[in-house]
């Protein structure tokens, strides 16, 4: 049996993303599959680029509120998007979200 893995996110640095006002902390990354678990922090008014989840996505809003499409989710809301889903989440007031993806995202570009 593998040993348990424990991480204190307060000891990890926030890292910039290509999206202004959105930062992340890596909790887990499986190099062989691209599976990852991260914390995302949205500053008020920030948005993440439109992207697709080839193998789906799950997230849990921990603080603040996240707008995903026409819906806005507050603390404690868990959302599961199916494989192939696409979205461009944003936060008017700022938030922190725990995100789990079984494969890397595909950023969607316009034009």
N, C-alpha and C. Protein backbone atom coordinates (compact mmCIF):
# COMPACT_ATOMS: atom_id res chain seq x y z
N UNK A 1 0.84 -1.18 0.00
CA UNK A 1 0.00 0.00 0.00
C UNK A 1 0.88 1.25 0.00
N UNK A 2 0.53 2.21 -0.83
CA UNK A 2 1.27 3.46 -0.88
C UNK A 2 1.02 4.28 0.38
N UNK A 3 2.01 5.10 0.72
CA UNK A 3 1.87 5.97 1.87
C UNK A 3 0.90 7.11 1.55
N UNK A 4 0.23 7.58 2.56
CA UNK A 4 -0.66 8.73 2.39
C UNK A 4 0.16 9.97 2.07
N UNK A 5 -0.44 10.86 1.31
CA UNK A 5 0.21 12.12 0.95
C UNK A 5 -0.55 13.24 1.64
N UNK A 6 0.17 14.09 2.33
CA UNK A 6 -0.46 15.22 3.02
C UNK A 6 0.26 16.49 2.61
N UNK A 7 -0.53 17.52 2.31
CA UNK A 7 0.04 18.80 1.89
C UNK A 7 -0.67 19.90 2.67
N UNK A 8 0.09 20.83 3.17
CA UNK A 8 -0.46 22.02 3.82
C UNK A 8 -0.43 23.14 2.78
N UNK A 9 -1.57 23.44 2.16
CA UNK A 9 -1.59 24.45 1.10
C UNK A 9 -1.07 25.82 1.54
N UNK A 10 -1.15 26.12 2.82
CA UNK A 10 -0.66 27.43 3.28
C UNK A 10 0.86 27.54 3.11
N UNK A 11 1.54 26.41 2.96
CA UNK A 11 2.99 26.40 2.78
C UNK A 11 3.40 26.46 1.31
N UNK A 12 2.42 26.41 0.40
CA UNK A 12 2.71 26.45 -1.04
C UNK A 12 2.53 27.86 -1.58
N UNK A 13 3.36 28.25 -2.55
CA UNK A 13 3.19 29.58 -3.14
C UNK A 13 2.04 29.60 -4.14
N UNK A 14 1.38 30.75 -4.26
CA UNK A 14 0.43 30.96 -5.35
C UNK A 14 1.26 31.22 -6.60
N UNK A 15 0.90 30.55 -7.69
CA UNK A 15 1.61 30.72 -8.96
C UNK A 15 0.70 31.41 -9.96
N UNK A 16 1.29 32.27 -10.76
CA UNK A 16 0.52 32.99 -11.78
C UNK A 16 0.07 32.02 -12.87
N UNK A 17 -1.08 32.30 -13.45
CA UNK A 17 -1.55 31.58 -14.63
C UNK A 17 -1.48 32.56 -15.79
N UNK A 18 -1.71 32.11 -17.02
CA UNK A 18 -1.76 33.05 -18.14
C UNK A 18 -2.97 33.98 -18.08
N UNK A 19 -3.90 33.72 -17.17
CA UNK A 19 -5.13 34.51 -17.04
C UNK A 19 -4.94 35.55 -15.93
N UNK A 20 -4.98 36.84 -16.27
CA UNK A 20 -4.80 37.87 -15.24
C UNK A 20 -5.78 37.72 -14.08
N UNK A 21 -5.22 37.77 -12.86
CA UNK A 21 -6.07 37.69 -11.68
C UNK A 21 -6.41 36.29 -11.23
N UNK A 22 -5.87 35.28 -11.91
CA UNK A 22 -6.11 33.88 -11.51
C UNK A 22 -4.76 33.26 -11.17
N UNK A 23 -4.68 32.68 -9.97
CA UNK A 23 -3.45 32.02 -9.51
C UNK A 23 -3.79 30.60 -9.08
N UNK A 24 -2.76 29.75 -8.97
CA UNK A 24 -3.00 28.35 -8.62
C UNK A 24 -1.92 27.83 -7.68
N UNK A 25 -2.31 26.78 -6.94
CA UNK A 25 -1.39 26.01 -6.10
C UNK A 25 -1.52 24.56 -6.51
N UNK A 26 -0.42 23.92 -6.82
CA UNK A 26 -0.43 22.51 -7.21
C UNK A 26 -0.44 21.64 -5.96
N UNK A 27 -1.50 20.83 -5.83
CA UNK A 27 -1.59 19.89 -4.72
C UNK A 27 -1.11 18.50 -5.14
N UNK A 28 -1.42 18.12 -6.38
CA UNK A 28 -1.04 16.80 -6.88
C UNK A 28 -0.98 16.84 -8.39
N UNK A 29 0.02 16.17 -8.97
CA UNK A 29 0.11 16.02 -10.41
C UNK A 29 0.68 14.65 -10.72
N UNK A 30 -0.01 13.90 -11.55
CA UNK A 30 0.43 12.57 -11.99
C UNK A 30 0.97 12.72 -13.41
N UNK A 31 2.27 12.72 -13.54
CA UNK A 31 2.91 12.97 -14.83
C UNK A 31 2.47 12.00 -15.93
N UNK A 32 2.25 10.75 -15.59
CA UNK A 32 1.92 9.75 -16.61
C UNK A 32 0.55 9.95 -17.25
N UNK A 33 -0.39 10.56 -16.52
CA UNK A 33 -1.75 10.74 -17.04
C UNK A 33 -2.16 12.20 -17.20
N UNK A 34 -1.46 13.10 -16.52
CA UNK A 34 -1.85 14.50 -16.51
C UNK A 34 -2.91 14.80 -15.46
N UNK A 35 -3.27 13.80 -14.66
CA UNK A 35 -4.26 14.01 -13.59
C UNK A 35 -3.71 15.04 -12.61
N UNK A 36 -4.56 15.97 -12.20
CA UNK A 36 -4.09 16.97 -11.25
C UNK A 36 -5.18 17.40 -10.29
N UNK A 37 -4.72 17.94 -9.16
CA UNK A 37 -5.57 18.53 -8.14
C UNK A 37 -4.93 19.86 -7.80
N UNK A 38 -5.69 20.94 -7.90
CA UNK A 38 -5.14 22.26 -7.66
C UNK A 38 -6.13 23.12 -6.89
N UNK A 39 -5.62 24.17 -6.28
CA UNK A 39 -6.45 25.26 -5.78
C UNK A 39 -6.32 26.39 -6.79
N UNK A 40 -7.44 26.97 -7.17
CA UNK A 40 -7.45 28.16 -8.02
C UNK A 40 -7.99 29.32 -7.22
N UNK A 41 -7.32 30.47 -7.33
CA UNK A 41 -7.79 31.69 -6.68
C UNK A 41 -8.09 32.72 -7.75
N UNK A 42 -9.33 33.19 -7.76
CA UNK A 42 -9.76 34.24 -8.68
C UNK A 42 -9.85 35.54 -7.90
N UNK A 43 -9.15 36.56 -8.34
CA UNK A 43 -9.33 37.89 -7.78
C UNK A 43 -10.68 38.42 -8.26
N UNK A 44 -11.27 39.40 -7.59
CA UNK A 44 -12.54 39.95 -8.06
C UNK A 44 -12.45 40.42 -9.52
N UNK A 45 -13.41 39.97 -10.32
CA UNK A 45 -13.48 40.34 -11.73
C UNK A 45 -12.63 39.47 -12.66
N UNK A 46 -11.88 38.51 -12.13
CA UNK A 46 -11.01 37.68 -12.96
C UNK A 46 -11.78 36.58 -13.66
N UNK A 47 -11.23 36.13 -14.79
CA UNK A 47 -11.83 35.04 -15.57
C UNK A 47 -10.73 34.12 -16.08
N UNK A 48 -11.08 32.86 -16.23
CA UNK A 48 -10.17 31.87 -16.80
C UNK A 48 -10.51 31.72 -18.28
N UNK A 49 -9.49 31.55 -19.10
CA UNK A 49 -9.72 31.39 -20.54
C UNK A 49 -10.67 30.23 -20.82
N UNK A 50 -11.42 30.34 -21.91
CA UNK A 50 -12.30 29.24 -22.33
C UNK A 50 -11.45 28.00 -22.57
N UNK A 51 -11.93 26.87 -22.06
CA UNK A 51 -11.18 25.62 -22.20
C UNK A 51 -12.12 24.42 -22.17
N UNK A 52 -11.61 23.30 -22.65
CA UNK A 52 -12.36 22.05 -22.69
C UNK A 52 -11.69 21.05 -21.74
N UNK A 53 -12.53 20.17 -21.20
CA UNK A 53 -12.05 19.10 -20.32
C UNK A 53 -12.27 17.76 -21.03
N UNK A 54 -11.23 17.23 -21.68
CA UNK A 54 -11.39 15.98 -22.43
C UNK A 54 -11.91 14.82 -21.58
N UNK A 55 -11.51 14.78 -20.31
CA UNK A 55 -11.93 13.68 -19.43
C UNK A 55 -12.82 14.16 -18.29
N UNK A 56 -13.35 15.38 -18.39
CA UNK A 56 -14.22 15.91 -17.35
C UNK A 56 -13.47 16.70 -16.30
N UNK A 57 -14.23 17.22 -15.34
CA UNK A 57 -13.68 18.06 -14.27
C UNK A 57 -14.63 18.02 -13.09
N UNK A 58 -14.07 18.15 -11.90
CA UNK A 58 -14.85 18.34 -10.69
C UNK A 58 -14.26 19.51 -9.95
N UNK A 59 -15.12 20.35 -9.36
CA UNK A 59 -14.59 21.41 -8.51
C UNK A 59 -15.52 21.65 -7.33
N UNK A 60 -14.92 22.19 -6.28
CA UNK A 60 -15.63 22.53 -5.05
C UNK A 60 -15.28 23.97 -4.71
N UNK A 61 -16.29 24.82 -4.64
CA UNK A 61 -16.08 26.22 -4.27
C UNK A 61 -15.83 26.28 -2.76
N UNK A 62 -14.67 26.79 -2.37
CA UNK A 62 -14.30 26.87 -0.96
C UNK A 62 -14.62 28.22 -0.34
N UNK A 63 -14.37 29.28 -1.11
CA UNK A 63 -14.60 30.65 -0.64
C UNK A 63 -15.14 31.48 -1.79
N UNK A 64 -15.95 32.48 -1.49
CA UNK A 64 -16.44 33.40 -2.51
C UNK A 64 -17.45 32.75 -3.43
N UNK A 65 -17.51 33.24 -4.68
CA UNK A 65 -18.46 32.68 -5.64
C UNK A 65 -17.82 32.59 -7.02
N UNK A 66 -18.18 31.54 -7.74
CA UNK A 66 -17.67 31.28 -9.09
C UNK A 66 -18.85 31.25 -10.04
N UNK A 67 -18.74 31.98 -11.13
CA UNK A 67 -19.76 31.96 -12.17
C UNK A 67 -19.28 31.07 -13.29
N UNK A 68 -20.13 30.13 -13.66
CA UNK A 68 -19.80 29.13 -14.68
C UNK A 68 -20.99 29.08 -15.62
N UNK A 69 -20.84 29.68 -16.81
CA UNK A 69 -21.98 29.80 -17.71
C UNK A 69 -22.97 30.78 -17.11
N UNK A 70 -24.23 30.39 -17.04
CA UNK A 70 -25.27 31.27 -16.50
C UNK A 70 -25.47 31.09 -15.00
N UNK A 71 -24.73 30.18 -14.38
CA UNK A 71 -24.91 29.88 -12.96
C UNK A 71 -23.77 30.42 -12.11
N UNK A 72 -24.11 30.83 -10.90
CA UNK A 72 -23.10 31.27 -9.94
C UNK A 72 -23.20 30.37 -8.72
N UNK A 73 -22.05 29.87 -8.29
CA UNK A 73 -21.99 28.90 -7.19
C UNK A 73 -21.24 29.50 -6.01
N UNK A 74 -21.75 29.27 -4.81
CA UNK A 74 -21.12 29.76 -3.59
C UNK A 74 -20.39 28.67 -2.83
N UNK A 75 -19.86 29.02 -1.65
CA UNK A 75 -19.09 28.08 -0.84
C UNK A 75 -19.85 26.79 -0.57
N UNK A 76 -19.14 25.69 -0.71
CA UNK A 76 -19.72 24.37 -0.46
C UNK A 76 -20.34 23.72 -1.68
N UNK A 77 -20.44 24.44 -2.79
CA UNK A 77 -21.04 23.86 -4.00
C UNK A 77 -20.02 23.00 -4.72
N UNK A 78 -20.41 21.77 -5.02
CA UNK A 78 -19.59 20.83 -5.79
C UNK A 78 -20.20 20.71 -7.17
N UNK A 79 -19.35 20.80 -8.20
CA UNK A 79 -19.80 20.72 -9.59
C UNK A 79 -18.98 19.67 -10.31
N UNK A 80 -19.64 18.85 -11.11
CA UNK A 80 -18.96 17.87 -11.97
C UNK A 80 -19.36 18.14 -13.41
N UNK A 81 -18.35 18.38 -14.25
CA UNK A 81 -18.58 18.55 -15.69
C UNK A 81 -18.18 17.26 -16.39
N UNK A 82 -18.98 16.80 -17.36
CA UNK A 82 -18.69 15.54 -18.04
C UNK A 82 -17.53 15.68 -19.03
N UNK A 83 -16.97 14.55 -19.46
CA UNK A 83 -15.92 14.58 -20.47
C UNK A 83 -16.37 15.35 -21.71
N UNK A 84 -15.46 16.17 -22.24
CA UNK A 84 -15.74 16.95 -23.44
C UNK A 84 -16.37 18.30 -23.17
N UNK A 85 -16.73 18.59 -21.93
CA UNK A 85 -17.37 19.86 -21.61
C UNK A 85 -16.39 21.01 -21.76
N UNK A 86 -16.94 22.20 -22.04
CA UNK A 86 -16.12 23.41 -22.19
C UNK A 86 -16.79 24.55 -21.44
N UNK A 87 -15.96 25.45 -20.91
CA UNK A 87 -16.49 26.61 -20.20
C UNK A 87 -15.41 27.66 -20.04
N UNK A 88 -15.79 28.82 -19.50
CA UNK A 88 -14.88 29.92 -19.21
C UNK A 88 -15.30 30.52 -17.86
N UNK A 89 -14.92 29.90 -16.76
CA UNK A 89 -15.37 30.37 -15.44
C UNK A 89 -14.80 31.74 -15.10
N UNK A 90 -15.55 32.45 -14.25
CA UNK A 90 -15.15 33.79 -13.83
C UNK A 90 -15.69 34.04 -12.42
N UNK A 91 -15.19 35.10 -11.79
CA UNK A 91 -15.67 35.43 -10.45
C UNK A 91 -15.77 36.94 -10.31
N UNK A 92 -16.96 37.41 -10.04
CA UNK A 92 -17.16 38.85 -9.85
C UNK A 92 -16.59 39.32 -8.52
N UNK A 93 -16.73 38.52 -7.48
CA UNK A 93 -16.33 38.92 -6.13
C UNK A 93 -15.04 38.27 -5.66
N UNK A 94 -14.48 37.35 -6.45
CA UNK A 94 -13.30 36.59 -6.05
C UNK A 94 -13.70 35.28 -5.42
N UNK A 95 -12.81 34.28 -5.51
CA UNK A 95 -13.11 32.98 -4.91
C UNK A 95 -11.86 32.12 -4.85
N UNK A 96 -11.96 31.03 -4.10
CA UNK A 96 -10.97 29.96 -4.08
C UNK A 96 -11.73 28.67 -4.35
N UNK A 97 -11.20 27.87 -5.29
CA UNK A 97 -11.87 26.66 -5.74
C UNK A 97 -10.87 25.51 -5.74
N UNK A 98 -11.29 24.34 -5.25
CA UNK A 98 -10.51 23.11 -5.38
C UNK A 98 -10.95 22.45 -6.69
N UNK A 99 -9.98 22.15 -7.56
CA UNK A 99 -10.29 21.59 -8.88
C UNK A 99 -9.56 20.25 -9.05
N UNK A 100 -10.29 19.27 -9.59
CA UNK A 100 -9.71 17.95 -9.88
C UNK A 100 -10.00 17.62 -11.34
N UNK A 101 -8.93 17.31 -12.09
CA UNK A 101 -9.09 16.90 -13.49
C UNK A 101 -8.28 15.64 -13.74
N UNK A 102 -8.87 14.66 -14.46
CA UNK A 102 -8.14 13.43 -14.74
C UNK A 102 -7.16 13.55 -15.91
N UNK A 103 -7.29 14.61 -16.72
CA UNK A 103 -6.38 14.88 -17.83
C UNK A 103 -6.23 16.39 -17.97
N UNK A 104 -5.16 16.85 -18.61
CA UNK A 104 -4.99 18.29 -18.80
C UNK A 104 -6.13 18.90 -19.62
N UNK A 105 -6.34 20.19 -19.40
CA UNK A 105 -7.36 20.91 -20.16
C UNK A 105 -6.82 21.25 -21.56
N UNK A 106 -7.76 21.59 -22.46
CA UNK A 106 -7.40 22.09 -23.78
C UNK A 106 -7.90 23.52 -23.87
N UNK A 107 -7.01 24.49 -23.97
CA UNK A 107 -7.41 25.89 -24.08
C UNK A 107 -8.02 26.11 -25.45
N UNK A 108 -9.16 26.79 -25.47
CA UNK A 108 -9.86 27.08 -26.72
C UNK A 108 -9.46 28.48 -27.18
N UNK A 109 -9.15 28.60 -28.44
CA UNK A 109 -8.77 29.90 -29.00
C UNK A 109 -9.80 30.33 -30.01
N UNK A 110 -10.02 31.62 -30.07
CA UNK A 110 -10.97 32.17 -31.03
C UNK A 110 -10.27 32.40 -32.36
N UNK A 111 -11.07 32.40 -33.42
CA UNK A 111 -10.55 32.74 -34.73
C UNK A 111 -10.18 31.55 -35.49
